[in-house]
Amino acid sequence: MKLFNASDSEGNLIKYDIREQKNYFPVRMCTIKNPYDFNNDALVNSKDVNDLIKHFGTRERDKDYNKKYDVNQKGNSNKRIDLLDLLDVMNESDKQEKLKKVIDSIS
């Protein structure tokens, strides 16, 4: 694995996965959309937590329910936006903040 900084056009840290092949083919970088990044800014942070909170407590049949915020997928979705979803988003935000600090300390 190679370590480098990757950011979008606004300077936001992008989560990445890099694998280097043993032959002469180039390094490949694969990025995936993070399901906790609701506003698509390449970060999971307080903005995403606040977006989820607007739908907190809703169930599948409710007018304000949006399945993109029902992110806790341990098993099958429970068709409601609850504490499990909020904790998942907050944990991902914490992981990204720690990763950013590590990368900043290396740079």
PDB file of N, CA and C in Angstrom:
ATOM      1  N   MET A   1       0.837  -1.181   0.000  1.00  0.00           N
ATOM      2  CA  MET A   1       0.000   0.000   0.000  1.00  0.00           C
ATOM      3  C   MET A   1       0.882   1.245   0.000  1.00  0.00           C
ATOM      4  N   LYS A   2       0.464   2.230  -0.748  1.00  0.00           N
ATOM      5  CA  LYS A   2       1.147   3.524  -0.786  1.00  0.00           C
ATOM      6  C   LYS A   2       0.297   4.532  -0.025  1.00  0.00           C
ATOM      7  N   LEU A   3       0.937   5.458   0.644  1.00  0.00           N
ATOM      8  CA  LEU A   3       0.238   6.477   1.402  1.00  0.00           C
ATOM      9  C   LEU A   3       0.351   7.806   0.678  1.00  0.00           C
ATOM     10  N   PHE A   4      -0.765   8.459   0.416  1.00  0.00           N
ATOM     11  CA  PHE A   4      -0.752   9.782  -0.160  1.00  0.00           C
ATOM     12  C   PHE A   4      -2.045  10.490   0.192  1.00  0.00           C
ATOM     13  N   ASN A   5      -2.057  11.798   0.020  1.00  0.00           N
ATOM     14  CA  ASN A   5      -3.249  12.593   0.285  1.00  0.00           C
ATOM     15  C   ASN A   5      -4.101  12.650  -0.969  1.00  0.00           C
ATOM     16  N   ALA A   6      -5.382  12.406  -0.836  1.00  0.00           N
ATOM     17  CA  ALA A   6      -6.320  12.539  -1.951  1.00  0.00           C
ATOM     18  C   ALA A   6      -7.427  13.477  -1.498  1.00  0.00           C
ATOM     19  N   SER A   7      -7.709  14.472  -2.315  1.00  0.00           N
ATOM     20  CA  SER A   7      -8.776  15.410  -1.959  1.00  0.00           C
ATOM     21  C   SER A   7      -9.556  15.792  -3.202  1.00  0.00           C
ATOM     22  N   ASP A   8     -10.788  16.255  -2.976  1.00  0.00           N
ATOM     23  CA  ASP A   8     -11.619  16.679  -4.090  1.00  0.00           C
ATOM     24  C   ASP A   8     -11.301  18.124  -4.453  1.00  0.00           C
ATOM     25  N   SER A   9     -12.075  18.695  -5.376  1.00  0.00           N
ATOM     26  CA  SER A   9     -11.804  20.050  -5.862  1.00  0.00           C
ATOM     27  C   SER A   9     -11.957  21.119  -4.789  1.00  0.00           C
ATOM     28  N   GLU A  10     -12.649  20.792  -3.686  1.00  0.00           N
ATOM     29  CA  GLU A  10     -12.829  21.753  -2.592  1.00  0.00           C
ATOM     30  C   GLU A  10     -11.857  21.501  -1.446  1.00  0.00           C
ATOM     31  N   GLY A  11     -10.921  20.577  -1.633  1.00  0.00           N
ATOM     32  CA  GLY A  11      -9.928  20.299  -0.604  1.00  0.00           C
ATOM     33  C   GLY A  11     -10.375  19.319   0.459  1.00  0.00           C
ATOM     34  N   ASN A  12     -11.529  18.670   0.273  1.00  0.00           N
ATOM     35  CA  ASN A  12     -12.017  17.690   1.241  1.00  0.00           C
ATOM     36  C   ASN A  12     -11.290  16.367   1.070  1.00  0.00           C
ATOM     37  N   LEU A  13     -10.992  15.709   2.182  1.00  0.00           N
ATOM     38  CA  LEU A  13     -10.323  14.425   2.171  1.00  0.00           C
ATOM     39  C   LEU A  13     -11.228  13.377   1.535  1.00  0.00           C
ATOM     40  N   ILE A  14     -10.670  12.562   0.644  1.00  0.00           N
ATOM     41  CA  ILE A  14     -11.418  11.488  -0.002  1.00  0.00           C
ATOM     42  C   ILE A  14     -10.946  10.166   0.577  1.00  0.00           C
ATOM     43  N   LYS A  15     -11.884   9.339   0.954  1.00  0.00           N
ATOM     44  CA  LYS A  15     -11.550   8.016   1.451  1.00  0.00           C
ATOM     45  C   LYS A  15     -11.154   7.162   0.253  1.00  0.00           C
ATOM     46  N   TYR A  16     -10.085   6.401   0.373  1.00  0.00           N
ATOM     47  CA  TYR A  16      -9.583   5.680  -0.778  1.00  0.00           C
ATOM     48  C   TYR A  16      -9.037   4.313  -0.401  1.00  0.00           C
ATOM     49  N   ASP A  17      -8.892   3.504  -1.414  1.00  0.00           N
ATOM     50  CA  ASP A  17      -8.317   2.174  -1.265  1.00  0.00           C
ATOM     51  C   ASP A  17      -7.355   1.981  -2.429  1.00  0.00           C
ATOM     52  N   ILE A  18      -6.096   1.764  -2.146  1.00  0.00           N
ATOM     53  CA  ILE A  18      -5.089   1.655  -3.197  1.00  0.00           C
ATOM     54  C   ILE A  18      -4.408   0.297  -3.091  1.00  0.00           C
ATOM     55  N   ARG A  19      -4.263  -0.338  -4.214  1.00  0.00           N
ATOM     56  CA  ARG A  19      -3.535  -1.606  -4.247  1.00  0.00           C
ATOM     57  C   ARG A  19      -2.484  -1.515  -5.344  1.00  0.00           C
ATOM     58  N   GLU A  20      -1.291  -1.915  -5.022  1.00  0.00           N
ATOM     59  CA  GLU A  20      -0.211  -1.898  -6.000  1.00  0.00           C
ATOM     60  C   GLU A  20       0.026  -3.326  -6.480  1.00  0.00           C
ATOM     61  N   GLN A  21       0.090  -3.480  -7.780  1.00  0.00           N
ATOM     62  CA  GLN A  21       0.331  -4.794  -8.352  1.00  0.00           C
ATOM     63  C   GLN A  21       1.823  -5.094  -8.367  1.00  0.00           C
ATOM     64  N   LYS A  22       2.185  -6.355  -8.373  1.00  0.00           N
ATOM     65  CA  LYS A  22       3.579  -6.770  -8.379  1.00  0.00           C
ATOM     66  C   LYS A  22       4.207  -6.711  -9.770  1.00  0.00           C
ATOM     67  N   ASN A  23       3.409  -6.534 -10.813  1.00  0.00           N
ATOM     68  CA  ASN A  23       3.948  -6.486 -12.174  1.00  0.00           C
ATOM     69  C   ASN A  23       4.113  -5.033 -12.626  1.00  0.00           C
ATOM     70  N   TYR A  24       4.203  -4.800 -13.894  1.00  0.00           N
ATOM     71  CA  TYR A  24       4.466  -3.457 -14.405  1.00  0.00           C
ATOM     72  C   TYR A  24       3.208  -2.652 -14.721  1.00  0.00           C
ATOM     73  N   PHE A  25       2.063  -3.148 -14.335  1.00  0.00           N
ATOM     74  CA  PHE A  25       0.842  -2.382 -14.548  1.00  0.00           C
ATOM     75  C   PHE A  25       0.774  -1.249 -13.528  1.00  0.00           C
ATOM     76  N   PRO A  26       0.095  -0.168 -13.854  1.00  0.00           N
ATOM     77  CA  PRO A  26       0.060   0.983 -12.926  1.00  0.00           C
ATOM     78  C   PRO A  26      -0.756   0.692 -11.663  1.00  0.00           C
ATOM     79  N   VAL A  27      -0.540   1.526 -10.677  1.00  0.00           N
ATOM     80  CA  VAL A  27      -1.318   1.466  -9.442  1.00  0.00           C
ATOM     81  C   VAL A  27      -2.751   1.829  -9.793  1.00  0.00           C
ATOM     82  N   ARG A  28      -3.669   1.144  -9.183  1.00  0.00           N
ATOM     83  CA  ARG A  28      -5.081   1.436  -9.428  1.00  0.00           C
ATOM     84  C   ARG A  28      -5.710   2.021  -8.176  1.00  0.00           C
ATOM     85  N   MET A  29      -6.534   3.013  -8.370  1.00  0.00           N
ATOM     86  CA  MET A  29      -7.228   3.638  -7.249  1.00  0.00           C
ATOM     87  C   MET A  29      -8.716   3.449  -7.456  1.00  0.00           C
ATOM     88  N   CYS A  30      -9.383   2.936  -6.434  1.00  0.00           N
ATOM     89  CA  CYS A  30     -10.819   2.711  -6.509  1.00  0.00           C
ATOM     90  C   CYS A  30     -11.482   3.538  -5.418  1.00  0.00           C
ATOM     91  N   THR A  31     -12.424   4.337  -5.799  1.00  0.00           N
ATOM     92  CA  THR A  31     -13.185   5.076  -4.796  1.00  0.00           C
ATOM     93  C   THR A  31     -14.621   4.589  -4.853  1.00  0.00           C
ATOM     94  N   ILE A  32     -15.246   4.557  -3.713  1.00  0.00           N
ATOM     95  CA  ILE A  32     -16.641   4.158  -3.643  1.00  0.00           C
ATOM     96  C   ILE A  32     -17.407   5.239  -2.897  1.00  0.00           C
ATOM     97  N   LYS A  33     -18.662   5.368  -3.213  1.00  0.00           N
ATOM     98  CA  LYS A  33     -19.494   6.333  -2.503  1.00  0.00           C
ATOM     99  C   LYS A  33     -19.729   5.812  -1.091  1.00  0.00           C
ATOM    100  N   ASN A  34     -19.472   6.655  -0.121  1.00  0.00           N
ATOM    101  CA  ASN A  34     -19.696   6.288   1.267  1.00  0.00           C
ATOM    102  C   ASN A  34     -21.191   6.466   1.570  1.00  0.00           C
ATOM    103  N   PRO A  35     -21.887   5.417   2.004  1.00  0.00           N
ATOM    104  CA  PRO A  35     -23.329   5.532   2.253  1.00  0.00           C
ATOM    105  C   PRO A  35     -23.687   6.496   3.386  1.00  0.00           C
ATOM    106  N   TYR A  36     -22.696   6.886   4.190  1.00  0.00           N
ATOM    107  CA  TYR A  36     -22.943   7.839   5.275  1.00  0.00           C
ATOM    108  C   TYR A  36     -22.738   9.288   4.830  1.00  0.00           C
ATOM    109  N   ASP A  37     -22.245   9.495   3.630  1.00  0.00           N
ATOM    110  CA  ASP A  37     -22.008  10.846   3.093  1.00  0.00           C
ATOM    111  C   ASP A  37     -23.266  11.300   2.348  1.00  0.00           C
ATOM    112  N   PHE A  38     -24.230  11.830   3.083  1.00  0.00           N
ATOM    113  CA  PHE A  38     -25.535  12.160   2.518  1.00  0.00           C
ATOM    114  C   PHE A  38     -25.501  13.350   1.567  1.00  0.00           C
ATOM    115  N   ASN A  39     -24.595  14.298   1.784  1.00  0.00           N
ATOM    116  CA  ASN A  39     -24.556  15.500   0.938  1.00  0.00           C
ATOM    117  C   ASN A  39     -23.481  15.414  -0.154  1.00  0.00           C
ATOM    118  N   ASN A  40     -22.859  14.256  -0.292  1.00  0.00           N
ATOM    119  CA  ASN A  40     -21.889  14.000  -1.375  1.00  0.00           C
ATOM    120  C   ASN A  40     -20.733  14.995  -1.427  1.00  0.00           C
ATOM    121  N   ASP A  41     -20.210  15.373  -0.258  1.00  0.00           N
ATOM    122  CA  ASP A  41     -19.057  16.279  -0.233  1.00  0.00           C
ATOM    123  C   ASP A  41     -17.754  15.536   0.061  1.00  0.00           C
ATOM    124  N   ALA A  42     -17.780  14.196  -0.026  1.00  0.00           N
ATOM    125  CA  ALA A  42     -16.618  13.329   0.196  1.00  0.00           C
ATOM    126  C   ALA A  42     -16.163  13.300   1.651  1.00  0.00           C
ATOM    127  N   LEU A  43     -16.983  13.781   2.553  1.00  0.00           N
ATOM    128  CA  LEU A  43     -16.704  13.730   3.988  1.00  0.00           C
ATOM    129  C   LEU A  43     -17.938  13.240   4.722  1.00  0.00           C
ATOM    130  N   VAL A  44     -17.727  12.544   5.808  1.00  0.00           N
ATOM    131  CA  VAL A  44     -18.818  12.239   6.721  1.00  0.00           C
ATOM    132  C   VAL A  44     -18.529  13.064   7.966  1.00  0.00           C
ATOM    133  N   ASN A  45     -19.383  14.056   8.203  1.00  0.00           N
ATOM    134  CA  ASN A  45     -19.136  14.994   9.291  1.00  0.00           C
ATOM    135  C   ASN A  45     -20.454  15.456   9.898  1.00  0.00           C
ATOM    136  N   SER A  46     -20.409  16.530  10.659  1.00  0.00           N
ATOM    137  CA  SER A  46     -21.604  17.022  11.353  1.00  0.00           C
ATOM    138  C   SER A  46     -22.724  17.399  10.390  1.00  0.00           C
ATOM    139  N   LYS A  47     -22.394  17.792   9.164  1.00  0.00           N
ATOM    140  CA  LYS A  47     -23.442  18.108   8.179  1.00  0.00           C
ATOM    141  C   LYS A  47     -24.281  16.865   7.880  1.00  0.00           C
ATOM    142  N   ASP A  48     -23.614  15.726   7.766  1.00  0.00           N
ATOM    143  CA  ASP A  48     -24.333  14.480   7.494  1.00  0.00           C
ATOM    144  C   ASP A  48     -25.141  14.035   8.708  1.00  0.00           C
ATOM    145  N   VAL A  49     -24.581  14.211   9.906  1.00  0.00           N
ATOM    146  CA  VAL A  49     -25.318  13.898  11.133  1.00  0.00           C
ATOM    147  C   VAL A  49     -26.577  14.764  11.199  1.00  0.00           C
ATOM    148  N   ASN A  50     -26.449  16.049  10.911  1.00  0.00           N
ATOM    149  CA  ASN A  50     -27.602  16.953  10.947  1.00  0.00           C
ATOM    150  C   ASN A  50     -28.650  16.576   9.902  1.00  0.00           C
ATOM    151  N   ASP A  51     -28.201  16.139   8.714  1.00  0.00           N
ATOM    152  CA  ASP A  51     -29.149  15.685   7.691  1.00  0.00           C
ATOM    153  C   ASP A  51     -29.953  14.490   8.188  1.00  0.00           C
ATOM    154  N   LEU A  52     -29.276  13.531   8.843  1.00  0.00           N
ATOM    155  CA  LEU A  52     -29.975  12.364   9.372  1.00  0.00           C
ATOM    156  C   LEU A  52     -30.951  12.767  10.474  1.00  0.00           C
ATOM    157  N   ILE A  53     -30.537  13.686  11.329  1.00  0.00           N
ATOM    158  CA  ILE A  53     -31.384  14.096  12.459  1.00  0.00           C
ATOM    159  C   ILE A  53     -32.717  14.674  11.975  1.00  0.00           C
ATOM    160  N   LYS A  54     -32.724  15.320  10.813  1.00  0.00           N
ATOM    161  CA  LYS A  54     -33.979  15.859  10.263  1.00  0.00           C
ATOM    162  C   LYS A  54     -35.002  14.755   9.987  1.00  0.00           C
ATOM    163  N   HIS A  55     -34.526  13.530   9.804  1.00  0.00           N
ATOM    164  CA  HIS A  55     -35.400  12.396   9.503  1.00  0.00           C
ATOM    165  C   HIS A  55     -35.469  11.396  10.654  1.00  0.00           C
ATOM    166  N   PHE A  56     -34.807  11.715  11.755  1.00  0.00           N
ATOM    167  CA  PHE A  56     -34.720  10.821  12.907  1.00  0.00           C
ATOM    168  C   PHE A  56     -36.116  10.506  13.437  1.00  0.00           C
ATOM    169  N   GLY A  57     -36.338   9.228  13.716  1.00  0.00           N
ATOM    170  CA  GLY A  57     -37.615   8.804  14.296  1.00  0.00           C
ATOM    171  C   GLY A  57     -38.676   8.453  13.276  1.00  0.00           C
ATOM    172  N   THR A  58     -38.373   8.621  11.981  1.00  0.00           N
ATOM    173  CA  THR A  58     -39.375   8.298  10.969  1.00  0.00           C
ATOM    174  C   THR A  58     -39.321   6.821  10.603  1.00  0.00           C
ATOM    175  N   ARG A  59     -40.442   6.316  10.128  1.00  0.00           N
ATOM    176  CA  ARG A  59     -40.554   4.925   9.678  1.00  0.00           C
ATOM    177  C   ARG A  59     -40.904   4.903   8.200  1.00  0.00           C
ATOM    178  N   GLU A  60     -40.810   3.733   7.611  1.00  0.00           N
ATOM    179  CA  GLU A  60     -40.976   3.584   6.164  1.00  0.00           C
ATOM    180  C   GLU A  60     -42.262   4.223   5.632  1.00  0.00           C
ATOM    181  N   ARG A  61     -43.343   4.146   6.327  1.00  0.00           N
ATOM    182  CA  ARG A  61     -44.617   4.687   5.830  1.00  0.00           C
ATOM    183  C   ARG A  61     -44.798   6.177   6.117  1.00  0.00           C
ATOM    184  N   ASP A  62     -43.891   6.787   6.868  1.00  0.00           N
ATOM    185  CA  ASP A  62     -43.992   8.210   7.203  1.00  0.00           C
ATOM    186  C   ASP A  62     -43.611   9.084   6.010  1.00  0.00           C
ATOM    187  N   LYS A  63     -44.208  10.249   5.959  1.00  0.00           N
ATOM    188  CA  LYS A  63     -43.954  11.198   4.857  1.00  0.00           C
ATOM    189  C   LYS A  63     -42.483  11.614   4.795  1.00  0.00           C
ATOM    190  N   ASP A  64     -41.826  11.844   5.922  1.00  0.00           N
ATOM    191  CA  ASP A  64     -40.446  12.333   5.956  1.00  0.00           C
ATOM    192  C   ASP A  64     -39.392  11.233   5.918  1.00  0.00           C
ATOM    193  N   TYR A  65     -39.818   9.965   5.842  1.00  0.00           N
ATOM    194  CA  TYR A  65     -38.859   8.858   5.795  1.00  0.00           C
ATOM    195  C   TYR A  65     -38.128   8.876   4.457  1.00  0.00           C
ATOM    196  N   ASN A  66     -36.808   8.703   4.507  1.00  0.00           N
ATOM    197  CA  ASN A  66     -35.990   8.593   3.299  1.00  0.00           C
ATOM    198  C   ASN A  66     -35.025   7.437   3.543  1.00  0.00           C
ATOM    199  N   LYS A  67     -35.112   6.397   2.716  1.00  0.00           N
ATOM    200  CA  LYS A  67     -34.333   5.190   2.985  1.00  0.00           C
ATOM    201  C   LYS A  67     -32.829   5.408   2.938  1.00  0.00           C
ATOM    202  N   LYS A  68     -32.356   6.499   2.314  1.00  0.00           N
ATOM    203  CA  LYS A  68     -30.903   6.719   2.299  1.00  0.00           C
ATOM    204  C   LYS A  68     -30.349   7.004   3.693  1.00  0.00           C
ATOM    205  N   TYR A  69     -31.210   7.441   4.618  1.00  0.00           N
ATOM    206  CA  TYR A  69     -30.770   7.700   5.992  1.00  0.00           C
ATOM    207  C   TYR A  69     -30.895   6.456   6.879  1.00  0.00           C
ATOM    208  N   ASP A  70     -31.523   5.407   6.371  1.00  0.00           N
ATOM    209  CA  ASP A  70     -31.665   4.150   7.109  1.00  0.00           C
ATOM    210  C   ASP A  70     -30.440   3.300   6.792  1.00  0.00           C
ATOM    211  N   VAL A  71     -29.294   3.697   7.343  1.00  0.00           N
ATOM    212  CA  VAL A  71     -27.995   3.154   6.949  1.00  0.00           C
ATOM    213  C   VAL A  71     -27.538   1.961   7.769  1.00  0.00           C
ATOM    214  N   ASN A  72     -28.134   1.714   8.906  1.00  0.00           N
ATOM    215  CA  ASN A  72     -27.697   0.579   9.719  1.00  0.00           C
ATOM    216  C   ASN A  72     -28.149  -0.701   9.041  1.00  0.00           C
ATOM    217  N   GLN A  73     -27.194  -1.414   8.486  1.00  0.00           N
ATOM    218  CA  GLN A  73     -27.505  -2.603   7.711  1.00  0.00           C
ATOM    219  C   GLN A  73     -26.993  -3.878   8.371  1.00  0.00           C
ATOM    220  N   LYS A  74     -26.882  -3.883   9.664  1.00  0.00           N
ATOM    221  CA  LYS A  74     -26.490  -5.097  10.368  1.00  0.00           C
ATOM    222  C   LYS A  74     -27.692  -6.036  10.313  1.00  0.00           C
ATOM    223  N   GLY A  75     -27.670  -6.959   9.394  1.00  0.00           N
ATOM    224  CA  GLY A  75     -28.850  -7.764   9.119  1.00  0.00           C
ATOM    225  C   GLY A  75     -29.691  -7.006   8.108  1.00  0.00           C
ATOM    226  N   ASN A  76     -30.969  -7.096   8.216  1.00  0.00           N
ATOM    227  CA  ASN A  76     -31.851  -6.372   7.306  1.00  0.00           C
ATOM    228  C   ASN A  76     -32.222  -5.019   7.889  1.00  0.00           C
ATOM    229  N   SER A  77     -32.530  -4.081   6.997  1.00  0.00           N
ATOM    230  CA  SER A  77     -32.948  -2.757   7.444  1.00  0.00           C
ATOM    231  C   SER A  77     -34.201  -2.887   8.297  1.00  0.00           C
ATOM    232  N   ASN A  78     -34.287  -2.087   9.343  1.00  0.00           N
ATOM    233  CA  ASN A  78     -35.478  -2.134  10.186  1.00  0.00           C
ATOM    234  C   ASN A  78     -36.541  -1.147   9.712  1.00  0.00           C
ATOM    235  N   LYS A  79     -36.305  -0.508   8.565  1.00  0.00           N
ATOM    236  CA  LYS A  79     -37.273   0.401   7.926  1.00  0.00           C
ATOM    237  C   LYS A  79     -37.636   1.590   8.799  1.00  0.00           C
ATOM    238  N   ARG A  80     -36.686   2.015   9.621  1.00  0.00           N
ATOM    239  CA  ARG A  80     -36.872   3.240  10.407  1.00  0.00           C
ATOM    240  C   ARG A  80     -35.510   3.876  10.639  1.00  0.00           C
ATOM    241  N   ILE A  81     -35.527   5.168  10.862  1.00  0.00           N
ATOM    242  CA  ILE A  81     -34.299   5.917  11.111  1.00  0.00           C
ATOM    243  C   ILE A  81     -34.238   6.153  12.608  1.00  0.00           C
ATOM    244  N   ASP A  82     -33.278   5.470  13.225  1.00  0.00           N
ATOM    245  CA  ASP A  82     -33.243   5.439  14.681  1.00  0.00           C
ATOM    246  C   ASP A  82     -31.825   5.610  15.212  1.00  0.00           C
ATOM    247  N   LEU A  83     -31.650   5.312  16.474  1.00  0.00           N
ATOM    248  CA  LEU A  83     -30.367   5.489  17.146  1.00  0.00           C
ATOM    249  C   LEU A  83     -29.257   4.666  16.492  1.00  0.00           C
ATOM    250  N   LEU A  84     -29.568   3.479  15.989  1.00  0.00           N
ATOM    251  CA  LEU A  84     -28.551   2.651  15.331  1.00  0.00           C
ATOM    252  C   LEU A  84     -27.983   3.357  14.106  1.00  0.00           C
ATOM    253  N   ASP A  85     -28.841   4.004  13.336  1.00  0.00           N
ATOM    254  CA  ASP A  85     -28.390   4.747  12.155  1.00  0.00           C
ATOM    255  C   ASP A  85     -27.541   5.943  12.568  1.00  0.00           C
ATOM    256  N   LEU A  86     -27.989   6.669  13.563  1.00  0.00           N
ATOM    257  CA  LEU A  86     -27.252   7.835  14.044  1.00  0.00           C
ATOM    258  C   LEU A  86     -25.865   7.438  14.559  1.00  0.00           C
ATOM    259  N   LEU A  87     -25.795   6.355  15.325  1.00  0.00           N
ATOM    260  CA  LEU A  87     -24.507   5.897  15.847  1.00  0.00           C
ATOM    261  C   LEU A  87     -23.559   5.486  14.722  1.00  0.00           C
ATOM    262  N   ASP A  88     -24.081   4.835  13.685  1.00  0.00           N
ATOM    263  CA  ASP A  88     -23.236   4.453  12.554  1.00  0.00           C
ATOM    264  C   ASP A  88     -22.629   5.673  11.872  1.00  0.00           C
ATOM    265  N   VAL A  89     -23.435   6.695  11.650  1.00  0.00           N
ATOM    266  CA  VAL A  89     -22.934   7.914  10.996  1.00  0.00           C
ATOM    267  C   VAL A  89     -21.919   8.623  11.886  1.00  0.00           C
ATOM    268  N   MET A  90     -22.199   8.705  13.173  1.00  0.00           N
ATOM    269  CA  MET A  90     -21.269   9.359  14.089  1.00  0.00           C
ATOM    270  C   MET A  90     -19.951   8.590  14.184  1.00  0.00           C
ATOM    271  N   ASN A  91     -20.007   7.269  14.186  1.00  0.00           N
ATOM    272  CA  ASN A  91     -18.781   6.458  14.226  1.00  0.00           C
ATOM    273  C   ASN A  91     -17.956   6.649  12.956  1.00  0.00           C
ATOM    274  N   GLU A  92     -18.607   6.699  11.815  1.00  0.00           N
ATOM    275  CA  GLU A  92     -17.883   6.926  10.557  1.00  0.00           C
ATOM    276  C   GLU A  92     -17.250   8.310  10.541  1.00  0.00           C
ATOM    277  N   SER A  93     -17.956   9.295  11.044  1.00  0.00           N
ATOM    278  CA  SER A  93     -17.415  10.655  11.126  1.00  0.00           C
ATOM    279  C   SER A  93     -16.169  10.677  12.012  1.00  0.00           C
ATOM    280  N   ASP A  94     -16.236   9.978  13.128  1.00  0.00           N
ATOM    281  CA  ASP A  94     -15.088   9.898  14.039  1.00  0.00           C
ATOM    282  C   ASP A  94     -13.894   9.213  13.370  1.00  0.00           C
ATOM    283  N   LYS A  95     -14.135   8.123  12.638  1.00  0.00           N
ATOM    284  CA  LYS A  95     -13.061   7.425  11.922  1.00  0.00           C
ATOM    285  C   LYS A  95     -12.398   8.338  10.896  1.00  0.00           C
ATOM    286  N   GLN A  96     -13.188   9.090  10.169  1.00  0.00           N
ATOM    287  CA  GLN A  96     -12.625   9.989   9.161  1.00  0.00           C
ATOM    288  C   GLN A  96     -11.807  11.103   9.797  1.00  0.00           C
ATOM    289  N   GLU A  97     -12.263  11.618  10.915  1.00  0.00           N
ATOM    290  CA  GLU A  97     -11.515  12.674  11.614  1.00  0.00           C
ATOM    291  C   GLU A  97     -10.169  12.144  12.107  1.00  0.00           C
ATOM    292  N   LYS A  98     -10.164  10.928  12.646  1.00  0.00           N
ATOM    293  CA  LYS A  98      -8.908  10.321  13.104  1.00  0.00           C
ATOM    294  C   LYS A  98      -7.964  10.081  11.928  1.00  0.00           C
ATOM    295  N   LEU A  99      -8.490   9.609  10.810  1.00  0.00           N
ATOM    296  CA  LEU A  99      -7.672   9.388   9.619  1.00  0.00           C
ATOM    297  C   LEU A  99      -7.072  10.700   9.128  1.00  0.00           C
ATOM    298  N   LYS A 100      -7.872  11.745   9.118  1.00  0.00           N
ATOM    299  CA  LYS A 100      -7.380  13.062   8.685  1.00  0.00           C
ATOM    300  C   LYS A 100      -6.240  13.532   9.583  1.00  0.00           C
ATOM    301  N   LYS A 101      -6.366  13.345  10.884  1.00  0.00           N
ATOM    302  CA  LYS A 101      -5.306  13.752  11.815  1.00  0.00           C
ATOM    303  C   LYS A 101      -4.013  12.983  11.564  1.00  0.00           C
ATOM    304  N   VAL A 102      -4.124  11.689  11.298  1.00  0.00           N
ATOM    305  CA  VAL A 102      -2.947  10.872  11.019  1.00  0.00           C
ATOM    306  C   VAL A 102      -2.273  11.355   9.733  1.00  0.00           C
ATOM    307  N   ILE A 103      -3.061  11.572   8.704  1.00  0.00           N
ATOM    308  CA  ILE A 103      -2.503  12.038   7.427  1.00  0.00           C
ATOM    309  C   ILE A 103      -1.859  13.415   7.584  1.00  0.00           C
ATOM    310  N   ASP A 104      -2.530  14.297   8.324  1.00  0.00           N
ATOM    311  CA  ASP A 104      -1.955  15.647   8.551  1.00  0.00           C
ATOM    312  C   ASP A 104      -0.649  15.568   9.327  1.00  0.00           C
ATOM    313  N   SER A 105      -0.541  14.634  10.262  1.00  0.00           N
ATOM    314  CA  SER A 105       0.686  14.534  11.054  1.00  0.00           C
ATOM    315  C   SER A 105       1.846  14.001  10.229  1.00  0.00           C
ATOM    316  N   ILE A 106       1.550  13.230   9.206  1.00  0.00           N
ATOM    317  CA  ILE A 106       2.594  12.682   8.338  1.00  0.00           C
ATOM    318  C   ILE A 106       3.069  13.725   7.347  1.00  0.00           C
ATOM    319  N   SER A 107       2.153  14.545   6.899  1.00  0.00           N
ATOM    320  CA  SER A 107       2.481  15.539   5.849  1.00  0.00           C
ATOM    321  C   SER A 107       3.448  16.596   6.325  1.00  0.00           C
TER     322      SER A 107
END
